[in-house]
Amino acid sequence: MKKTLILLAAFAFSVGAASAQTAPAKPDRKARMEQAGKTMKTPEQRADQAAQRLTKQLGLSAAQTAQVRELHLARHKEMQAKRGQVATTTDKTQRHQEMKAGKERYEAQLKQILSAEQYTKYAQLRAEKAEKHKGHRKAKG
């Protein structure tokens, strides 16, 4: 009888300890940024930042910088509009295809703005960034 009670008590304690170790829900991106004291950037701010980054990396002219800024502004506004539609669209493959088509349009327009040398350098930087991201994902997983 004593052995049964001891086993039952041990089981109850182990179940209690296991259930107490659940991970808290991860807050969404907006909540994490607000906790850090940061604000979400507007599409205009994002476009300015992207144009400045590409100008620095690729040595763009003033005209190219303005075109890249307009391209990024249009892309960010489109993406912002799509985020509002995510809740209504449940088909993942459709959303994925739309995103892929949008990226291809962006790449084609960017290729028209940049010179061949600049676009080659851009593609190289993007590939390096993808490799770095891939390495971080493997380290986490």
N, C-alpha and C. Protein backbone atom coordinates (compact mmCIF):
# COMPACT_ATOMS: atom_id res chain seq x y z
N MET A 1 0.82 -1.19 0.00
CA MET A 1 0.00 0.00 0.00
C MET A 1 0.87 1.26 0.00
N LYS A 2 1.94 1.23 0.84
CA LYS A 2 2.83 2.38 0.92
C LYS A 2 3.51 2.63 -0.43
N LYS A 3 3.92 1.55 -1.09
CA LYS A 3 4.60 1.69 -2.38
C LYS A 3 3.67 2.33 -3.40
N THR A 4 2.42 1.97 -3.40
CA THR A 4 1.45 2.54 -4.33
C THR A 4 1.26 4.03 -4.07
N LEU A 5 1.16 4.40 -2.81
CA LEU A 5 1.00 5.82 -2.48
C LEU A 5 2.25 6.62 -2.87
N ILE A 6 3.41 6.07 -2.66
CA ILE A 6 4.65 6.76 -3.01
C ILE A 6 4.75 6.92 -4.53
N LEU A 7 4.42 5.86 -5.28
CA LEU A 7 4.42 5.95 -6.73
C LEU A 7 3.40 6.97 -7.23
N LEU A 8 2.24 6.99 -6.64
CA LEU A 8 1.20 7.94 -7.02
C LEU A 8 1.65 9.37 -6.73
N ALA A 9 2.25 9.60 -5.61
CA ALA A 9 2.75 10.94 -5.25
C ALA A 9 3.87 11.36 -6.21
N ALA A 10 4.77 10.47 -6.53
CA ALA A 10 5.86 10.78 -7.45
C ALA A 10 5.32 11.11 -8.83
N PHE A 11 4.33 10.36 -9.26
CA PHE A 11 3.70 10.63 -10.56
C PHE A 11 3.03 12.00 -10.57
N ALA A 12 2.33 12.33 -9.50
CA ALA A 12 1.65 13.62 -9.42
C ALA A 12 2.65 14.77 -9.45
N PHE A 13 3.76 14.63 -8.74
CA PHE A 13 4.78 15.67 -8.75
C PHE A 13 5.44 15.82 -10.12
N SER A 14 5.70 14.71 -10.79
CA SER A 14 6.34 14.79 -12.10
C SER A 14 5.40 15.42 -13.14
N VAL A 15 4.12 15.11 -13.07
CA VAL A 15 3.15 15.71 -13.98
C VAL A 15 3.06 17.21 -13.72
N GLY A 16 3.07 17.60 -12.47
CA GLY A 16 3.01 19.03 -12.11
C GLY A 16 4.25 19.77 -12.60
N ALA A 17 5.41 19.15 -12.45
CA ALA A 17 6.65 19.79 -12.89
C ALA A 17 6.69 19.90 -14.41
N ALA A 18 6.23 18.88 -15.10
CA ALA A 18 6.26 18.90 -16.56
C ALA A 18 5.30 19.95 -17.12
N SER A 19 4.14 20.09 -16.52
CA SER A 19 3.18 21.07 -17.02
C SER A 19 3.60 22.50 -16.69
N ALA A 20 4.42 22.69 -15.68
CA ALA A 20 4.87 24.03 -15.31
C ALA A 20 5.96 24.54 -16.24
N GLN A 21 6.49 23.69 -17.11
CA GLN A 21 7.59 24.07 -17.97
C GLN A 21 7.16 24.45 -19.38
N THR A 22 5.93 24.84 -19.55
CA THR A 22 5.49 25.24 -20.87
C THR A 22 6.06 26.62 -21.20
N ALA A 23 6.42 26.81 -22.46
CA ALA A 23 7.01 28.07 -22.90
C ALA A 23 5.91 29.12 -23.08
N PRO A 24 6.18 30.36 -22.70
CA PRO A 24 5.17 31.41 -22.90
C PRO A 24 5.02 31.72 -24.39
N ALA A 25 3.86 32.20 -24.75
CA ALA A 25 3.60 32.54 -26.15
C ALA A 25 4.51 33.69 -26.58
N LYS A 26 5.06 33.58 -27.78
CA LYS A 26 5.95 34.61 -28.30
C LYS A 26 5.11 35.79 -28.81
N PRO A 27 5.40 37.01 -28.34
CA PRO A 27 4.61 38.14 -28.81
C PRO A 27 4.90 38.44 -30.27
N ASP A 28 3.94 39.05 -30.95
CA ASP A 28 4.13 39.36 -32.36
C ASP A 28 5.18 40.46 -32.54
N ARG A 29 5.58 40.69 -33.77
CA ARG A 29 6.67 41.61 -34.07
C ARG A 29 6.37 43.03 -33.57
N LYS A 30 5.16 43.47 -33.77
CA LYS A 30 4.79 44.83 -33.37
C LYS A 30 4.91 44.99 -31.85
N ALA A 31 4.46 44.00 -31.10
CA ALA A 31 4.54 44.07 -29.64
C ALA A 31 6.00 44.05 -29.18
N ARG A 32 6.84 43.24 -29.82
CA ARG A 32 8.27 43.19 -29.44
C ARG A 32 8.94 44.52 -29.71
N MET A 33 8.60 45.15 -30.82
CA MET A 33 9.20 46.45 -31.14
C MET A 33 8.75 47.52 -30.16
N GLU A 34 7.50 47.48 -29.76
CA GLU A 34 7.00 48.46 -28.80
C GLU A 34 7.67 48.28 -27.44
N GLN A 35 7.92 47.03 -27.06
CA GLN A 35 8.61 46.76 -25.80
C GLN A 35 10.03 47.30 -25.84
N ALA A 36 10.65 47.25 -27.00
CA ALA A 36 12.02 47.74 -27.14
C ALA A 36 12.07 49.25 -27.32
N GLY A 37 10.92 49.91 -27.36
CA GLY A 37 10.88 51.36 -27.51
C GLY A 37 11.05 51.82 -28.94
N LYS A 38 10.82 50.93 -29.91
CA LYS A 38 10.96 51.28 -31.32
C LYS A 38 9.57 51.41 -31.94
N THR A 39 9.51 52.10 -33.05
CA THR A 39 8.24 52.22 -33.77
C THR A 39 8.37 51.57 -35.13
N MET A 40 7.25 51.17 -35.68
CA MET A 40 7.24 50.57 -37.01
C MET A 40 7.53 51.67 -38.02
N LYS A 41 8.33 51.36 -39.02
CA LYS A 41 8.69 52.34 -40.05
C LYS A 41 7.58 52.42 -41.10
N THR A 42 7.41 53.60 -41.64
CA THR A 42 6.44 53.80 -42.71
C THR A 42 7.06 53.29 -44.02
N PRO A 43 6.25 53.06 -45.05
CA PRO A 43 6.81 52.65 -46.34
C PRO A 43 7.82 53.67 -46.88
N GLU A 44 7.57 54.95 -46.64
CA GLU A 44 8.49 55.99 -47.11
C GLU A 44 9.84 55.88 -46.42
N GLN A 45 9.82 55.63 -45.11
CA GLN A 45 11.07 55.48 -44.36
C GLN A 45 11.84 54.24 -44.82
N ARG A 46 11.10 53.17 -45.06
CA ARG A 46 11.74 51.94 -45.53
C ARG A 46 12.35 52.13 -46.92
N ALA A 47 11.64 52.84 -47.79
CA ALA A 47 12.15 53.09 -49.15
C ALA A 47 13.40 53.96 -49.09
N ASP A 48 13.39 55.00 -48.24
CA ASP A 48 14.58 55.85 -48.09
C ASP A 48 15.77 55.03 -47.61
N GLN A 49 15.53 54.20 -46.61
CA GLN A 49 16.61 53.39 -46.05
C GLN A 49 17.17 52.41 -47.09
N ALA A 50 16.30 51.77 -47.84
CA ALA A 50 16.74 50.81 -48.86
C ALA A 50 17.52 51.52 -49.97
N ALA A 51 17.04 52.70 -50.39
CA ALA A 51 17.72 53.45 -51.44
C ALA A 51 19.10 53.90 -50.97
N GLN A 52 19.20 54.35 -49.73
CA GLN A 52 20.49 54.77 -49.18
C GLN A 52 21.46 53.59 -49.09
N ARG A 53 20.94 52.44 -48.66
CA ARG A 53 21.79 51.26 -48.54
C ARG A 53 22.33 50.83 -49.90
N LEU A 54 21.46 50.79 -50.91
CA LEU A 54 21.90 50.38 -52.24
C LEU A 54 22.84 51.42 -52.86
N THR A 55 22.60 52.69 -52.58
CA THR A 55 23.48 53.74 -53.09
C THR A 55 24.88 53.56 -52.52
N LYS A 56 24.95 53.26 -51.24
CA LYS A 56 26.25 53.06 -50.58
C LYS A 56 26.94 51.79 -51.10
N GLN A 57 26.18 50.71 -51.25
CA GLN A 57 26.77 49.44 -51.66
C GLN A 57 27.16 49.41 -53.13
N LEU A 58 26.33 50.03 -53.99
CA LEU A 58 26.53 49.90 -55.43
C LEU A 58 27.03 51.17 -56.11
N GLY A 59 27.10 52.25 -55.37
CA GLY A 59 27.56 53.50 -55.97
C GLY A 59 26.59 54.04 -57.01
N LEU A 60 25.32 54.17 -56.65
CA LEU A 60 24.30 54.63 -57.58
C LEU A 60 24.41 56.13 -57.82
N SER A 61 23.97 56.57 -59.00
CA SER A 61 23.90 58.00 -59.31
C SER A 61 22.65 58.56 -58.63
N ALA A 62 22.51 59.89 -58.65
CA ALA A 62 21.35 60.53 -58.03
C ALA A 62 20.05 60.09 -58.71
N ALA A 63 20.09 59.97 -60.03
CA ALA A 63 18.89 59.55 -60.78
C ALA A 63 18.52 58.10 -60.43
N GLN A 64 19.54 57.25 -60.34
CA GLN A 64 19.28 55.84 -60.00
C GLN A 64 18.74 55.73 -58.57
N THR A 65 19.28 56.54 -57.66
CA THR A 65 18.82 56.52 -56.28
C THR A 65 17.34 56.88 -56.21
N ALA A 66 16.93 57.91 -56.95
CA ALA A 66 15.53 58.32 -56.96
C ALA A 66 14.64 57.22 -57.54
N GLN A 67 15.10 56.57 -58.61
CA GLN A 67 14.32 55.48 -59.21
C GLN A 67 14.20 54.29 -58.26
N VAL A 68 15.30 53.97 -57.59
CA VAL A 68 15.29 52.84 -56.65
C VAL A 68 14.36 53.16 -55.48
N ARG A 69 14.37 54.42 -55.01
CA ARG A 69 13.50 54.81 -53.92
C ARG A 69 12.04 54.64 -54.33
N GLU A 70 11.68 55.09 -55.53
CA GLU A 70 10.31 54.95 -56.01
C GLU A 70 9.91 53.48 -56.16
N LEU A 71 10.83 52.67 -56.64
CA LEU A 71 10.57 51.23 -56.79
C LEU A 71 10.31 50.60 -55.43
N HIS A 72 11.15 50.94 -54.45
CA HIS A 72 10.97 50.38 -53.10
C HIS A 72 9.69 50.90 -52.46
N LEU A 73 9.38 52.16 -52.68
CA LEU A 73 8.16 52.72 -52.11
C LEU A 73 6.94 51.99 -52.64
N ALA A 74 6.90 51.76 -53.94
CA ALA A 74 5.77 51.03 -54.54
C ALA A 74 5.70 49.60 -53.98
N ARG A 75 6.87 48.97 -53.85
CA ARG A 75 6.90 47.59 -53.35
C ARG A 75 6.43 47.51 -51.90
N HIS A 76 6.89 48.44 -51.05
CA HIS A 76 6.50 48.41 -49.65
C HIS A 76 5.01 48.72 -49.46
N LYS A 77 4.48 49.63 -50.27
CA LYS A 77 3.05 49.92 -50.18
C LYS A 77 2.23 48.71 -50.62
N GLU A 78 2.70 48.03 -51.66
CA GLU A 78 2.02 46.82 -52.13
C GLU A 78 2.05 45.74 -51.05
N MET A 79 3.21 45.58 -50.42
CA MET A 79 3.34 44.57 -49.37
C MET A 79 2.47 44.90 -48.17
N GLN A 80 2.39 46.19 -47.83
CA GLN A 80 1.54 46.61 -46.72
C GLN A 80 0.07 46.31 -47.02
N ALA A 81 -0.35 46.54 -48.25
CA ALA A 81 -1.72 46.24 -48.64
C ALA A 81 -1.97 44.73 -48.60
N LYS A 82 -0.98 43.94 -49.00
CA LYS A 82 -1.12 42.48 -48.99
C LYS A 82 -1.24 41.95 -47.56
N ARG A 83 -0.54 42.59 -46.62
CA ARG A 83 -0.61 42.13 -45.22
C ARG A 83 -2.04 42.22 -44.70
N GLY A 84 -2.77 43.22 -45.14
CA GLY A 84 -4.16 43.35 -44.73
C GLY A 84 -5.04 42.26 -45.31
N GLN A 85 -4.64 41.72 -46.44
CA GLN A 85 -5.42 40.68 -47.11
C GLN A 85 -5.07 39.28 -46.62
N VAL A 86 -3.98 39.14 -45.86
CA VAL A 86 -3.53 37.82 -45.43
C VAL A 86 -4.61 37.10 -44.64
N ALA A 87 -5.32 37.84 -43.81
CA ALA A 87 -6.35 37.21 -42.99
C ALA A 87 -7.49 36.65 -43.84
N THR A 88 -7.76 37.27 -44.98
CA THR A 88 -8.86 36.81 -45.82
C THR A 88 -8.44 35.69 -46.76
N THR A 89 -7.16 35.66 -47.16
CA THR A 89 -6.68 34.64 -48.08
C THR A 89 -6.07 33.50 -47.26
N THR A 90 -6.63 32.31 -47.39
CA THR A 90 -6.14 31.19 -46.61
C THR A 90 -5.28 30.23 -47.43
N ASP A 91 -5.27 30.37 -48.74
CA ASP A 91 -4.53 29.47 -49.60
C ASP A 91 -3.05 29.85 -49.60
N LYS A 92 -2.23 29.05 -48.95
CA LYS A 92 -0.80 29.34 -48.83
C LYS A 92 -0.09 29.33 -50.17
N THR A 93 -0.43 28.39 -51.02
CA THR A 93 0.26 28.30 -52.31
C THR A 93 -0.05 29.52 -53.17
N GLN A 94 -1.27 30.01 -53.10
CA GLN A 94 -1.63 31.21 -53.86
C GLN A 94 -0.84 32.42 -53.36
N ARG A 95 -0.77 32.58 -52.04
CA ARG A 95 0.00 33.69 -51.46
C ARG A 95 1.47 33.58 -51.84
N HIS A 96 1.99 32.36 -51.82
CA HIS A 96 3.40 32.14 -52.17
C HIS A 96 3.66 32.51 -53.62
N GLN A 97 2.76 32.13 -54.51
CA GLN A 97 2.91 32.46 -55.93
C GLN A 97 2.84 33.97 -56.16
N GLU A 98 1.93 34.63 -55.44
CA GLU A 98 1.82 36.08 -55.57
C GLU A 98 3.09 36.77 -55.09
N MET A 99 3.64 36.29 -53.98
CA MET A 99 4.88 36.86 -53.45
C MET A 99 6.04 36.65 -54.41
N LYS A 100 6.10 35.46 -54.98
CA LYS A 100 7.16 35.15 -55.93
C LYS A 100 7.05 36.01 -57.18
N ALA A 101 5.84 36.20 -57.67
CA ALA A 101 5.62 37.04 -58.85
C ALA A 101 6.00 38.49 -58.55
N GLY A 102 5.67 38.97 -57.36
CA GLY A 102 6.04 40.32 -56.97
C GLY A 102 7.54 40.49 -56.88
N LYS A 103 8.23 39.50 -56.38
CA LYS A 103 9.69 39.56 -56.29
C LYS A 103 10.31 39.56 -57.69
N GLU A 104 9.77 38.77 -58.60
CA GLU A 104 10.29 38.72 -59.96
C GLU A 104 10.08 40.07 -60.68
N ARG A 105 8.90 40.70 -60.45
CA ARG A 105 8.66 42.03 -61.03
C ARG A 105 9.67 43.04 -60.49
N TYR A 106 9.90 42.98 -59.18
CA TYR A 106 10.85 43.89 -58.54
C TYR A 106 12.25 43.70 -59.13
N GLU A 107 12.67 42.44 -59.25
CA GLU A 107 14.01 42.15 -59.79
C GLU A 107 14.14 42.65 -61.23
N ALA A 108 13.10 42.47 -62.04
CA ALA A 108 13.14 42.91 -63.44
C ALA A 108 13.23 44.44 -63.52
N GLN A 109 12.46 45.13 -62.68
CA GLN A 109 12.50 46.59 -62.68
C GLN A 109 13.85 47.10 -62.17
N LEU A 110 14.39 46.45 -61.15
CA LEU A 110 15.68 46.85 -60.61
C LEU A 110 16.78 46.64 -61.64
N LYS A 111 16.68 45.55 -62.39
CA LYS A 111 17.67 45.26 -63.42
C LYS A 111 17.67 46.35 -64.50
N GLN A 112 16.51 46.93 -64.79
CA GLN A 112 16.41 48.01 -65.77
C GLN A 112 17.06 49.30 -65.24
N ILE A 113 16.99 49.52 -63.95
CA ILE A 113 17.54 50.74 -63.35
C ILE A 113 19.06 50.66 -63.23
N LEU A 114 19.57 49.50 -62.80
CA LEU A 114 21.00 49.34 -62.54
C LEU A 114 21.76 49.01 -63.83
N SER A 115 23.05 49.34 -63.82
CA SER A 115 23.91 48.92 -64.92
C SER A 115 24.21 47.43 -64.74
N ALA A 116 24.78 46.81 -65.77
CA ALA A 116 25.07 45.37 -65.69
C ALA A 116 26.04 45.08 -64.56
N GLU A 117 27.04 45.92 -64.40
CA GLU A 117 28.03 45.73 -63.32
C GLU A 117 27.39 45.89 -61.94
N GLN A 118 26.54 46.90 -61.80
CA GLN A 118 25.86 47.12 -60.52
C GLN A 118 24.92 45.97 -60.19
N TYR A 119 24.20 45.48 -61.19
CA TYR A 119 23.26 44.38 -60.94
C TYR A 119 24.02 43.11 -60.56
N THR A 120 25.17 42.87 -61.18
CA THR A 120 25.98 41.70 -60.83
C THR A 120 26.43 41.79 -59.38
N LYS A 121 26.87 42.98 -58.98
CA LYS A 121 27.29 43.17 -57.59
C LYS A 121 26.11 43.01 -56.64
N TYR A 122 24.94 43.52 -57.04
CA TYR A 122 23.73 43.38 -56.23
C TYR A 122 23.38 41.89 -56.05
N ALA A 123 23.43 41.13 -57.14
CA ALA A 123 23.11 39.70 -57.07
C ALA A 123 24.11 38.98 -56.16
N GLN A 124 25.36 39.37 -56.22
CA GLN A 124 26.39 38.75 -55.38
C GLN A 124 26.11 39.06 -53.91
N LEU A 125 25.80 40.32 -53.59
CA LEU A 125 25.51 40.70 -52.21
C LEU A 125 24.27 39.96 -51.69
N ARG A 126 23.27 39.82 -52.54
CA ARG A 126 22.05 39.10 -52.15
C ARG A 126 22.35 37.62 -51.88
N ALA A 127 23.21 37.01 -52.71
CA ALA A 127 23.57 35.60 -52.52
C ALA A 127 24.35 35.42 -51.22
N GLU A 128 25.25 36.36 -50.92
CA GLU A 128 26.01 36.28 -49.67
C GLU A 128 25.09 36.41 -48.47
N LYS A 129 24.14 37.30 -48.56
CA LYS A 129 23.18 37.49 -47.47
C LYS A 129 22.33 36.22 -47.28
N ALA A 130 21.94 35.59 -48.38
CA ALA A 130 21.15 34.36 -48.29
C ALA A 130 21.97 33.24 -47.64
N GLU A 131 23.24 33.14 -47.99
CA GLU A 131 24.10 32.12 -47.38
C GLU A 131 24.26 32.36 -45.89
N LYS A 132 24.46 33.62 -45.52
CA LYS A 132 24.61 33.97 -44.11
C LYS A 132 23.33 33.63 -43.34
N HIS A 133 22.19 33.94 -43.93
CA HIS A 133 20.89 33.64 -43.31
C HIS A 133 20.70 32.14 -43.18
N LYS A 134 21.10 31.41 -44.21
CA LYS A 134 20.99 29.95 -44.20
C LYS A 134 21.84 29.36 -43.08
N GLY A 135 23.04 29.91 -42.89
CA GLY A 135 23.92 29.44 -41.82
C GLY A 135 23.34 29.70 -40.45
N HIS A 136 22.69 30.85 -40.27
CA HIS A 136 22.06 31.17 -38.98
C HIS A 136 20.89 30.24 -38.70
N ARG A 137 20.15 29.91 -39.75
CA ARG A 137 19.00 29.02 -39.55
C ARG A 137 19.46 27.62 -39.16
N LYS A 138 20.57 27.16 -39.76
CA LYS A 138 21.08 25.83 -39.41
C LYS A 138 21.57 25.82 -37.97
N ALA A 139 22.21 26.91 -37.55
CA ALA A 139 22.72 26.99 -36.18
C ALA A 139 21.59 26.97 -35.16
N LYS A 140 20.46 27.62 -35.51
CA LYS A 140 19.31 27.63 -34.60
C LYS A 140 18.62 26.28 -34.53
N GLY A 141 18.49 25.65 -35.69
CA GLY A 141 17.70 24.41 -35.80
C GLY A 141 18.43 23.26 -35.31
